[in-house]
Full PDB file with SEQRES, HELIX, SHEET, SSBOND, CRYST1, ORIGX, SCALE, CONECT and MASTER records, all heavy atoms in Angstrom:
SEQRES   1 A   33  LEU ALA SER PHE ALA ARG TYR GLY ALA GLY GLY VAL LEU          
SEQRES   2 A   33  ALA LEU LEU ALA ASP SER THR ASN VAL GLU ARG GLU GLY          
SEQRES   3 A   33  TYR THR LEU SER GLU ARG VAL                                  
HELIX    1 AA1 ALA A    2  GLY A   10  1                                   9    
CRYST1    1.000    1.000    1.000  90.00  90.00  90.00 P 1           1          
ORIGX1      1.000000  0.000000  0.000000        0.00000                         
ORIGX2      0.000000  1.000000  0.000000        0.00000                         
ORIGX3      0.000000  0.000000  1.000000        0.00000                         
SCALE1      1.000000  0.000000  0.000000        0.00000                         
SCALE2      0.000000  1.000000  0.000000        0.00000                         
SCALE3      0.000000  0.000000  1.000000        0.00000                         
ATOM      1  N   LEU A   1       0.816  -1.207   0.000  1.00  0.00           N  
ATOM      2  CA  LEU A   1       0.000   0.000   0.000  1.00  0.00           C  
ATOM      3  C   LEU A   1       0.852   1.260   0.000  1.00  0.00           C  
ATOM      4  O   LEU A   1       0.460   2.291  -0.568  1.00  0.00           O  
ATOM      5  CB  LEU A   1      -0.942  -0.007   1.208  1.00  0.00           C  
ATOM      6  CG  LEU A   1      -1.932  -1.184   1.289  1.00  0.00           C  
ATOM      7  CD1 LEU A   1      -2.805  -1.058   2.527  1.00  0.00           C  
ATOM      8  CD2 LEU A   1      -2.784  -1.256   0.029  1.00  0.00           C  
ATOM      9  N   ALA A   2       2.041   1.199   0.637  1.00  0.00           N  
ATOM     10  CA  ALA A   2       2.913   2.376   0.687  1.00  0.00           C  
ATOM     11  C   ALA A   2       3.337   2.818  -0.710  1.00  0.00           C  
ATOM     12  O   ALA A   2       3.380   4.019  -1.014  1.00  0.00           O  
ATOM     13  CB  ALA A   2       4.150   2.070   1.538  1.00  0.00           C  
ATOM     14  N   SER A   3       3.638   1.869  -1.578  1.00  0.00           N  
ATOM     15  CA  SER A   3       4.047   2.229  -2.940  1.00  0.00           C  
ATOM     16  C   SER A   3       2.882   2.779  -3.755  1.00  0.00           C  
ATOM     17  O   SER A   3       3.050   3.722  -4.542  1.00  0.00           O  
ATOM     18  CB  SER A   3       4.650   1.011  -3.650  1.00  0.00           C  
ATOM     19  OG  SER A   3       5.928   0.722  -3.140  1.00  0.00           O  
ATOM     20  N   PHE A   4       1.696   2.212  -3.564  1.00  0.00           N  
ATOM     21  CA  PHE A   4       0.538   2.779  -4.258  1.00  0.00           C  
ATOM     22  C   PHE A   4       0.303   4.221  -3.813  1.00  0.00           C  
ATOM     23  O   PHE A   4       0.019   5.104  -4.633  1.00  0.00           O  
ATOM     24  CB  PHE A   4      -0.706   1.926  -3.985  1.00  0.00           C  
ATOM     25  CG  PHE A   4      -0.720   0.610  -4.710  1.00  0.00           C  
ATOM     26  CD1 PHE A   4      -0.545  -0.581  -4.029  1.00  0.00           C  
ATOM     27  CD2 PHE A   4      -0.901   0.563  -6.090  1.00  0.00           C  
ATOM     28  CE1 PHE A   4      -0.558  -1.801  -4.689  1.00  0.00           C  
ATOM     29  CE2 PHE A   4      -0.909  -0.652  -6.768  1.00  0.00           C  
ATOM     30  CZ  PHE A   4      -0.738  -1.839  -6.066  1.00  0.00           C  
ATOM     31  N   ALA A   5       0.437   4.460  -2.497  1.00  0.00           N  
ATOM     32  CA  ALA A   5       0.274   5.825  -1.983  1.00  0.00           C  
ATOM     33  C   ALA A   5       1.374   6.744  -2.513  1.00  0.00           C  
ATOM     34  O   ALA A   5       1.130   7.920  -2.816  1.00  0.00           O  
ATOM     35  CB  ALA A   5       0.283   5.807  -0.453  1.00  0.00           C  
ATOM     36  N   ARG A   6       2.588   6.216  -2.637  1.00  0.00           N  
ATOM     37  CA  ARG A   6       3.714   7.005  -3.165  1.00  0.00           C  
ATOM     38  C   ARG A   6       3.415   7.463  -4.586  1.00  0.00           C  
ATOM     39  O   ARG A   6       3.630   8.636  -4.923  1.00  0.00           O  
ATOM     40  CB  ARG A   6       4.983   6.156  -3.108  1.00  0.00           C  
ATOM     41  CG  ARG A   6       6.164   6.682  -3.916  1.00  0.00           C  
ATOM     42  CD  ARG A   6       7.447   5.936  -3.583  1.00  0.00           C  
ATOM     43  NE  ARG A   6       7.326   4.492  -3.724  1.00  0.00           N  
ATOM     44  CZ  ARG A   6       7.579   3.830  -4.856  1.00  0.00           C  
ATOM     45  NH1 ARG A   6       7.938   4.493  -5.952  1.00  0.00           N  
ATOM     46  NH2 ARG A   6       7.468   2.514  -4.897  1.00  0.00           N  
ATOM     47  N   TYR A   7       2.936   6.552  -5.395  1.00  0.00           N  
ATOM     48  CA  TYR A   7       2.594   6.943  -6.767  1.00  0.00           C  
ATOM     49  C   TYR A   7       1.412   7.909  -6.777  1.00  0.00           C  
ATOM     50  O   TYR A   7       1.375   8.851  -7.575  1.00  0.00           O  
ATOM     51  CB  TYR A   7       2.273   5.710  -7.610  1.00  0.00           C  
ATOM     52  CG  TYR A   7       3.508   5.056  -8.184  1.00  0.00           C  
ATOM     53  CD1 TYR A   7       4.026   3.890  -7.624  1.00  0.00           C  
ATOM     54  CD2 TYR A   7       4.170   5.616  -9.273  1.00  0.00           C  
ATOM     55  CE1 TYR A   7       5.161   3.285  -8.151  1.00  0.00           C  
ATOM     56  CE2 TYR A   7       5.310   5.021  -9.806  1.00  0.00           C  
ATOM     57  CZ  TYR A   7       5.799   3.857  -9.240  1.00  0.00           C  
ATOM     58  OH  TYR A   7       6.938   3.288  -9.761  1.00  0.00           O  
ATOM     59  N   GLY A   8       0.436   7.667  -5.881  1.00  0.00           N  
ATOM     60  CA  GLY A   8      -0.709   8.570  -5.824  1.00  0.00           C  
ATOM     61  C   GLY A   8      -0.311   9.990  -5.485  1.00  0.00           C  
ATOM     62  O   GLY A   8      -0.835  10.949  -6.063  1.00  0.00           O  
ATOM     63  N   ALA A   9       0.643  10.113  -4.566  1.00  0.00           N  
ATOM     64  CA  ALA A   9       1.101  11.444  -4.187  1.00  0.00           C  
ATOM     65  C   ALA A   9       1.843  12.132  -5.327  1.00  0.00           C  
ATOM     66  O   ALA A   9       1.806  13.364  -5.469  1.00  0.00           O  
ATOM     67  CB  ALA A   9       2.013  11.342  -2.965  1.00  0.00           C  
ATOM     68  N   GLY A  10       2.512  11.350  -6.182  1.00  0.00           N  
ATOM     69  CA  GLY A  10       3.265  11.919  -7.295  1.00  0.00           C  
ATOM     70  C   GLY A  10       2.430  12.190  -8.526  1.00  0.00           C  
ATOM     71  O   GLY A  10       2.879  12.874  -9.458  1.00  0.00           O  
ATOM     72  N   GLY A  11       1.231  11.656  -8.562  1.00  0.00           N  
ATOM     73  CA  GLY A  11       0.343  11.865  -9.700  1.00  0.00           C  
ATOM     74  C   GLY A  11       0.274  10.649 -10.607  1.00  0.00           C  
ATOM     75  O   GLY A  11       1.295  10.206 -11.135  1.00  0.00           O  
ATOM     76  N   VAL A  12      -0.927  10.106 -10.785  1.00  0.00           N  
ATOM     77  CA  VAL A  12      -1.144   8.932 -11.630  1.00  0.00           C  
ATOM     78  C   VAL A  12      -2.100   9.316 -12.758  1.00  0.00           C  
ATOM     79  O   VAL A  12      -3.197   9.833 -12.508  1.00  0.00           O  
ATOM     80  CB  VAL A  12      -1.722   7.757 -10.815  1.00  0.00           C  
ATOM     81  CG1 VAL A  12      -2.160   6.624 -11.723  1.00  0.00           C  
ATOM     82  CG2 VAL A  12      -0.685   7.258  -9.812  1.00  0.00           C  
ATOM     83  N   LEU A  13      -1.664   9.072 -13.975  1.00  0.00           N  
ATOM     84  CA  LEU A  13      -2.495   9.391 -15.134  1.00  0.00           C  
ATOM     85  C   LEU A  13      -3.734   8.503 -15.198  1.00  0.00           C  
ATOM     86  O   LEU A  13      -4.852   8.995 -15.391  1.00  0.00           O  
ATOM     87  CB  LEU A  13      -1.665   9.226 -16.423  1.00  0.00           C  
ATOM     88  CG  LEU A  13      -2.412   9.429 -17.746  1.00  0.00           C  
ATOM     89  CD1 LEU A  13      -2.850  10.887 -17.876  1.00  0.00           C  
ATOM     90  CD2 LEU A  13      -1.548   9.001 -18.927  1.00  0.00           C  
ATOM     91  N   ALA A  14      -3.537   7.190 -15.046  1.00  0.00           N  
ATOM     92  CA  ALA A  14      -4.667   6.265 -15.178  1.00  0.00           C  
ATOM     93  C   ALA A  14      -4.459   5.046 -14.303  1.00  0.00           C  
ATOM     94  O   ALA A  14      -3.331   4.592 -14.095  1.00  0.00           O  
ATOM     95  CB  ALA A  14      -4.848   5.835 -16.636  1.00  0.00           C  
ATOM     96  N   LEU A  15      -5.572   4.514 -13.806  1.00  0.00           N  
ATOM     97  CA  LEU A  15      -5.573   3.278 -13.022  1.00  0.00           C  
ATOM     98  C   LEU A  15      -6.430   2.249 -13.747  1.00  0.00           C  
ATOM     99  O   LEU A  15      -7.587   2.514 -14.093  1.00  0.00           O  
ATOM    100  CB  LEU A  15      -6.146   3.530 -11.622  1.00  0.00           C  
ATOM    101  CG  LEU A  15      -6.414   2.284 -10.758  1.00  0.00           C  
ATOM    102  CD1 LEU A  15      -5.108   1.595 -10.391  1.00  0.00           C  
ATOM    103  CD2 LEU A  15      -7.203   2.657  -9.497  1.00  0.00           C  
ATOM    104  N   LEU A  16      -5.851   1.078 -13.992  1.00  0.00           N  
ATOM    105  CA  LEU A  16      -6.588  -0.079 -14.502  1.00  0.00           C  
ATOM    106  C   LEU A  16      -6.709  -1.054 -13.340  1.00  0.00           C  
ATOM    107  O   LEU A  16      -5.688  -1.538 -12.823  1.00  0.00           O  
ATOM    108  CB  LEU A  16      -5.853  -0.752 -15.664  1.00  0.00           C  
ATOM    109  CG  LEU A  16      -5.892  -0.080 -17.043  1.00  0.00           C  
ATOM    110  CD1 LEU A  16      -5.116   1.234 -17.042  1.00  0.00           C  
ATOM    111  CD2 LEU A  16      -5.321  -1.007 -18.112  1.00  0.00           C  
ATOM    112  N   ALA A  17      -7.931  -1.350 -12.897  1.00  0.00           N  
ATOM    113  CA  ALA A  17      -8.094  -2.117 -11.659  1.00  0.00           C  
ATOM    114  C   ALA A  17      -9.043  -3.294 -11.835  1.00  0.00           C  
ATOM    115  O   ALA A  17     -10.042  -3.230 -12.566  1.00  0.00           O  
ATOM    116  CB  ALA A  17      -8.596  -1.202 -10.543  1.00  0.00           C  
ATOM    117  N   ASP A  18      -8.733  -4.368 -11.131  1.00  0.00           N  
ATOM    118  CA  ASP A  18      -9.476  -5.627 -11.099  1.00  0.00           C  
ATOM    119  C   ASP A  18     -10.917  -5.379 -10.637  1.00  0.00           C  
ATOM    120  O   ASP A  18     -11.154  -4.801  -9.581  1.00  0.00           O  
ATOM    121  CB  ASP A  18      -8.743  -6.567 -10.128  1.00  0.00           C  
ATOM    122  CG  ASP A  18      -9.444  -7.886  -9.897  1.00  0.00           C  
ATOM    123  OD1 ASP A  18     -10.348  -8.229 -10.676  1.00  0.00           O  
ATOM    124  OD2 ASP A  18      -9.054  -8.586  -8.942  1.00  0.00           O  
ATOM    125  N   SER A  19     -11.883  -5.837 -11.423  1.00  0.00           N  
ATOM    126  CA  SER A  19     -13.298  -5.590 -11.140  1.00  0.00           C  
ATOM    127  C   SER A  19     -14.065  -6.838 -10.714  1.00  0.00           C  
ATOM    128  O   SER A  19     -15.281  -6.774 -10.510  1.00  0.00           O  
ATOM    129  CB  SER A  19     -13.977  -5.001 -12.388  1.00  0.00           C  
ATOM    130  OG  SER A  19     -13.289  -3.887 -12.886  1.00  0.00           O  
ATOM    131  N   THR A  20     -13.396  -7.965 -10.571  1.00  0.00           N  
ATOM    132  CA  THR A  20     -14.074  -9.257 -10.415  1.00  0.00           C  
ATOM    133  C   THR A  20     -15.086  -9.265  -9.276  1.00  0.00           C  
ATOM    134  O   THR A  20     -16.194  -9.788  -9.414  1.00  0.00           O  
ATOM    135  CB  THR A  20     -13.032 -10.371 -10.190  1.00  0.00           C  
ATOM    136  OG1 THR A  20     -12.064 -10.317 -11.232  1.00  0.00           O  
ATOM    137  CG2 THR A  20     -13.695 -11.733 -10.175  1.00  0.00           C  
ATOM    138  N   ASN A  21     -14.715  -8.696  -8.116  1.00  0.00           N  
ATOM    139  CA  ASN A  21     -15.566  -8.782  -6.930  1.00  0.00           C  
ATOM    140  C   ASN A  21     -16.273  -7.470  -6.607  1.00  0.00           C  
ATOM    141  O   ASN A  21     -16.654  -7.240  -5.459  1.00  0.00           O  
ATOM    142  CB  ASN A  21     -14.725  -9.191  -5.705  1.00  0.00           C  
ATOM    143  CG  ASN A  21     -14.759 -10.677  -5.450  1.00  0.00           C  
ATOM    144  OD1 ASN A  21     -15.367 -11.427  -6.209  1.00  0.00           O  
ATOM    145  ND2 ASN A  21     -14.099 -11.120  -4.395  1.00  0.00           N  
ATOM    146  N   VAL A  22     -16.481  -6.611  -7.600  1.00  0.00           N  
ATOM    147  CA  VAL A  22     -17.053  -5.289  -7.327  1.00  0.00           C  
ATOM    148  C   VAL A  22     -18.479  -5.380  -6.785  1.00  0.00           C  
ATOM    149  O   VAL A  22     -18.963  -4.454  -6.136  1.00  0.00           O  
ATOM    150  CB  VAL A  22     -17.004  -4.423  -8.606  1.00  0.00           C  
ATOM    151  CG1 VAL A  22     -17.984  -4.954  -9.646  1.00  0.00           C  
ATOM    152  CG2 VAL A  22     -17.265  -2.957  -8.297  1.00  0.00           C  
ATOM    153  N   GLU A  23     -19.157  -6.490  -7.013  1.00  0.00           N  
ATOM    154  CA  GLU A  23     -20.527  -6.631  -6.520  1.00  0.00           C  
ATOM    155  C   GLU A  23     -20.581  -7.057  -5.052  1.00  0.00           C  
ATOM    156  O   GLU A  23     -21.665  -7.078  -4.463  1.00  0.00           O  
ATOM    157  CB  GLU A  23     -21.280  -7.645  -7.381  1.00  0.00           C  
ATOM    158  CG  GLU A  23     -21.498  -7.168  -8.811  1.00  0.00           C  
ATOM    159  CD  GLU A  23     -22.217  -8.173  -9.685  1.00  0.00           C  
ATOM    160  OE1 GLU A  23     -21.903  -9.376  -9.598  1.00  0.00           O  
ATOM    161  OE2 GLU A  23     -23.095  -7.754 -10.452  1.00  0.00           O  
ATOM    162  N   ARG A  24     -19.440  -7.380  -4.478  1.00  0.00           N  
ATOM    163  CA  ARG A  24     -19.411  -7.822  -3.074  1.00  0.00           C  
ATOM    164  C   ARG A  24     -19.121  -6.640  -2.159  1.00  0.00           C  
ATOM    165  O   ARG A  24     -18.126  -5.942  -2.309  1.00  0.00           O  
ATOM    166  CB  ARG A  24     -18.337  -8.889  -2.865  1.00  0.00           C  
ATOM    167  CG  ARG A  24     -18.636 -10.203  -3.563  1.00  0.00           C  
ATOM    168  CD  ARG A  24     -17.682 -11.287  -3.099  1.00  0.00           C  
ATOM    169  NE  ARG A  24     -17.906 -12.556  -3.767  1.00  0.00           N  
ATOM    170  CZ  ARG A  24     -17.261 -13.678  -3.486  1.00  0.00           C  
ATOM    171  NH1 ARG A  24     -16.325 -13.676  -2.525  1.00  0.00           N  
ATOM    172  NH2 ARG A  24     -17.512 -14.786  -4.136  1.00  0.00           N  
ATOM    173  N   GLU A  25     -19.992  -6.439  -1.189  1.00  0.00           N  
ATOM    174  CA  GLU A  25     -19.797  -5.356  -0.233  1.00  0.00           C  
ATOM    175  C   GLU A  25     -18.709  -5.724   0.773  1.00  0.00           C  
ATOM    176  O   GLU A  25     -18.366  -6.893   0.953  1.00  0.00           O  
ATOM    177  CB  GLU A  25     -21.107  -5.059   0.496  1.00  0.00           C  
ATOM    178  CG  GLU A  25     -22.221  -4.564  -0.426  1.00  0.00           C  
ATOM    179  CD  GLU A  25     -23.510  -4.291   0.332  1.00  0.00           C  
ATOM    180  OE1 GLU A  25     -23.579  -4.628   1.550  1.00  0.00           O  
ATOM    181  OE2 GLU A  25     -24.444  -3.738  -0.273  1.00  0.00           O  
ATOM    182  N   GLY A  26     -18.190  -4.714   1.443  1.00  0.00           N  
ATOM    183  CA  GLY A  26     -17.239  -4.931   2.525  1.00  0.00           C  
ATOM    184  C   GLY A  26     -15.862  -5.335   2.050  1.00  0.00           C  
ATOM    185  O   GLY A  26     -15.360  -4.836   1.046  1.00  0.00           O  
ATOM    186  N   TYR A  27     -15.242  -6.249   2.812  1.00  0.00           N  
ATOM    187  CA  TYR A  27     -13.874  -6.693   2.550  1.00  0.00           C  
ATOM    188  C   TYR A  27     -13.855  -8.193   2.262  1.00  0.00           C  
ATOM    189  O   TYR A  27     -14.667  -8.947   2.793  1.00  0.00           O  
ATOM    190  CB  TYR A  27     -12.977  -6.420   3.768  1.00  0.00           C  
ATOM    191  CG  TYR A  27     -12.839  -4.966   4.133  1.00  0.00           C  
ATOM    192  CD1 TYR A  27     -13.776  -4.344   4.958  1.00  0.00           C  
ATOM    193  CD2 TYR A  27     -11.771  -4.204   3.658  1.00  0.00           C  
ATOM    194  CE1 TYR A  27     -13.662  -3.004   5.295  1.00  0.00           C  
ATOM    195  CE2 TYR A  27     -11.639  -2.865   3.992  1.00  0.00           C  
ATOM    196  CZ  TYR A  27     -12.602  -2.269   4.809  1.00  0.00           C  
ATOM    197  OH  TYR A  27     -12.477  -0.938   5.140  1.00  0.00           O  
ATOM    198  N   THR A  28     -12.918  -8.621   1.450  1.00  0.00           N  
ATOM    199  CA  THR A  28     -12.721 -10.046   1.203  1.00  0.00           C  
ATOM    200  C   THR A  28     -12.007 -10.666   2.398  1.00  0.00           C  
ATOM    201  O   THR A  28     -11.061 -10.087   2.933  1.00  0.00           O  
ATOM    202  CB  THR A  28     -11.890 -10.260  -0.072  1.00  0.00           C  
ATOM    203  OG1 THR A  28     -12.577  -9.665  -1.170  1.00  0.00           O  
ATOM    204  CG2 THR A  28     -11.688 -11.738  -0.350  1.00  0.00           C  
ATOM    205  N   LEU A  29     -12.454 -11.851   2.805  1.00  0.00           N  
ATOM    206  CA  LEU A  29     -11.847 -12.512   3.955  1.00  0.00           C  
ATOM    207  C   LEU A  29     -10.392 -12.880   3.686  1.00  0.00           C  
ATOM    208  O   LEU A  29      -9.998 -13.150   2.554  1.00  0.00           O  
ATOM    209  CB  LEU A  29     -12.624 -13.781   4.299  1.00  0.00           C  
ATOM    210  CG  LEU A  29     -14.063 -13.581   4.829  1.00  0.00           C  
ATOM    211  CD1 LEU A  29     -14.767 -14.929   4.977  1.00  0.00           C  
ATOM    212  CD2 LEU A  29     -14.059 -12.826   6.153  1.00  0.00           C  
ATOM    213  N   SER A  30      -9.611 -12.921   4.752  1.00  0.00           N  
ATOM    214  CA  SER A  30      -8.212 -13.307   4.647  1.00  0.00           C  
ATOM    215  C   SER A  30      -8.085 -14.791   4.324  1.00  0.00           C  
ATOM    216  O   SER A  30      -8.913 -15.619   4.722  1.00  0.00           O  
ATOM    217  CB  SER A  30      -7.484 -13.017   5.962  1.00  0.00           C  
ATOM    218  OG  SER A  30      -6.191 -13.592   5.968  1.00  0.00           O  
ATOM    219  N   GLU A  31      -7.014 -15.141   3.620  1.00  0.00           N  
ATOM    220  CA  GLU A  31      -6.726 -16.543   3.315  1.00  0.00           C  
ATOM    221  C   GLU A  31      -6.579 -17.363   4.587  1.00  0.00           C  
ATOM    222  O   GLU A  31      -6.858 -18.574   4.600  1.00  0.00           O  
ATOM    223  CB  GLU A  31      -5.451 -16.624   2.470  1.00  0.00           C  
ATOM    224  CG  GLU A  31      -4.981 -18.020   2.144  1.00  0.00           C  
ATOM    225  CD  GLU A  31      -5.928 -18.812   1.258  1.00  0.00           C  
ATOM    226  OE1 GLU A  31      -6.699 -18.183   0.506  1.00  0.00           O  
ATOM    227  OE2 GLU A  31      -5.907 -20.052   1.322  1.00  0.00           O  
ATOM    228  N   ARG A  32      -6.165 -16.749   5.677  1.00  0.00           N  
ATOM    229  CA  ARG A  32      -5.985 -17.496   6.933  1.00  0.00           C  
ATOM    230  C   ARG A  32      -7.294 -18.103   7.442  1.00  0.00           C  
ATOM    231  O   ARG A  32      -7.279 -19.067   8.214  1.00  0.00           O  
ATOM    232  CB  ARG A  32      -5.395 -16.586   8.005  1.00  0.00           C  
ATOM    233  CG  ARG A  32      -3.915 -16.291   7.822  1.00  0.00           C  
ATOM    234  CD  ARG A  32      -3.336 -15.564   9.022  1.00  0.00           C  
ATOM    235  NE  ARG A  32      -1.950 -15.195   8.787  1.00  0.00           N  
ATOM    236  CZ  ARG A  32      -0.917 -15.970   9.069  1.00  0.00           C  
ATOM    237  NH1 ARG A  32      -1.136 -17.166   9.600  1.00  0.00           N  
ATOM    238  NH2 ARG A  32       0.312 -15.561   8.842  1.00  0.00           N  
ATOM    239  N   VAL A  33      -8.422 -17.549   7.022  1.00  0.00           N  
ATOM    240  CA  VAL A  33      -9.722 -18.096   7.430  1.00  0.00           C  
ATOM    241  C   VAL A  33      -9.855 -19.544   6.964  1.00  0.00           C  
ATOM    242  O   VAL A  33     -10.433 -20.385   7.662  1.00  0.00           O  
ATOM    243  CB  VAL A  33     -10.857 -17.222   6.849  1.00  0.00           C  
ATOM    244  CG1 VAL A  33     -12.212 -17.890   7.055  1.00  0.00           C  
ATOM    245  CG2 VAL A  33     -10.845 -15.838   7.491  1.00  0.00           C  
TER     246      VAL A  33                                                      
MASTER        0    0    0    1    0    0    0    6  245    1    0    3          
END                                                                             
């Protein structure tokens, strides 16, 4: 997350992001579950 924030602070032209679970509310459970 620190590197994503670093780029965000420097300016990002475009973000291409994974949409697979966009219909699910909240957070995805951890693999440890």
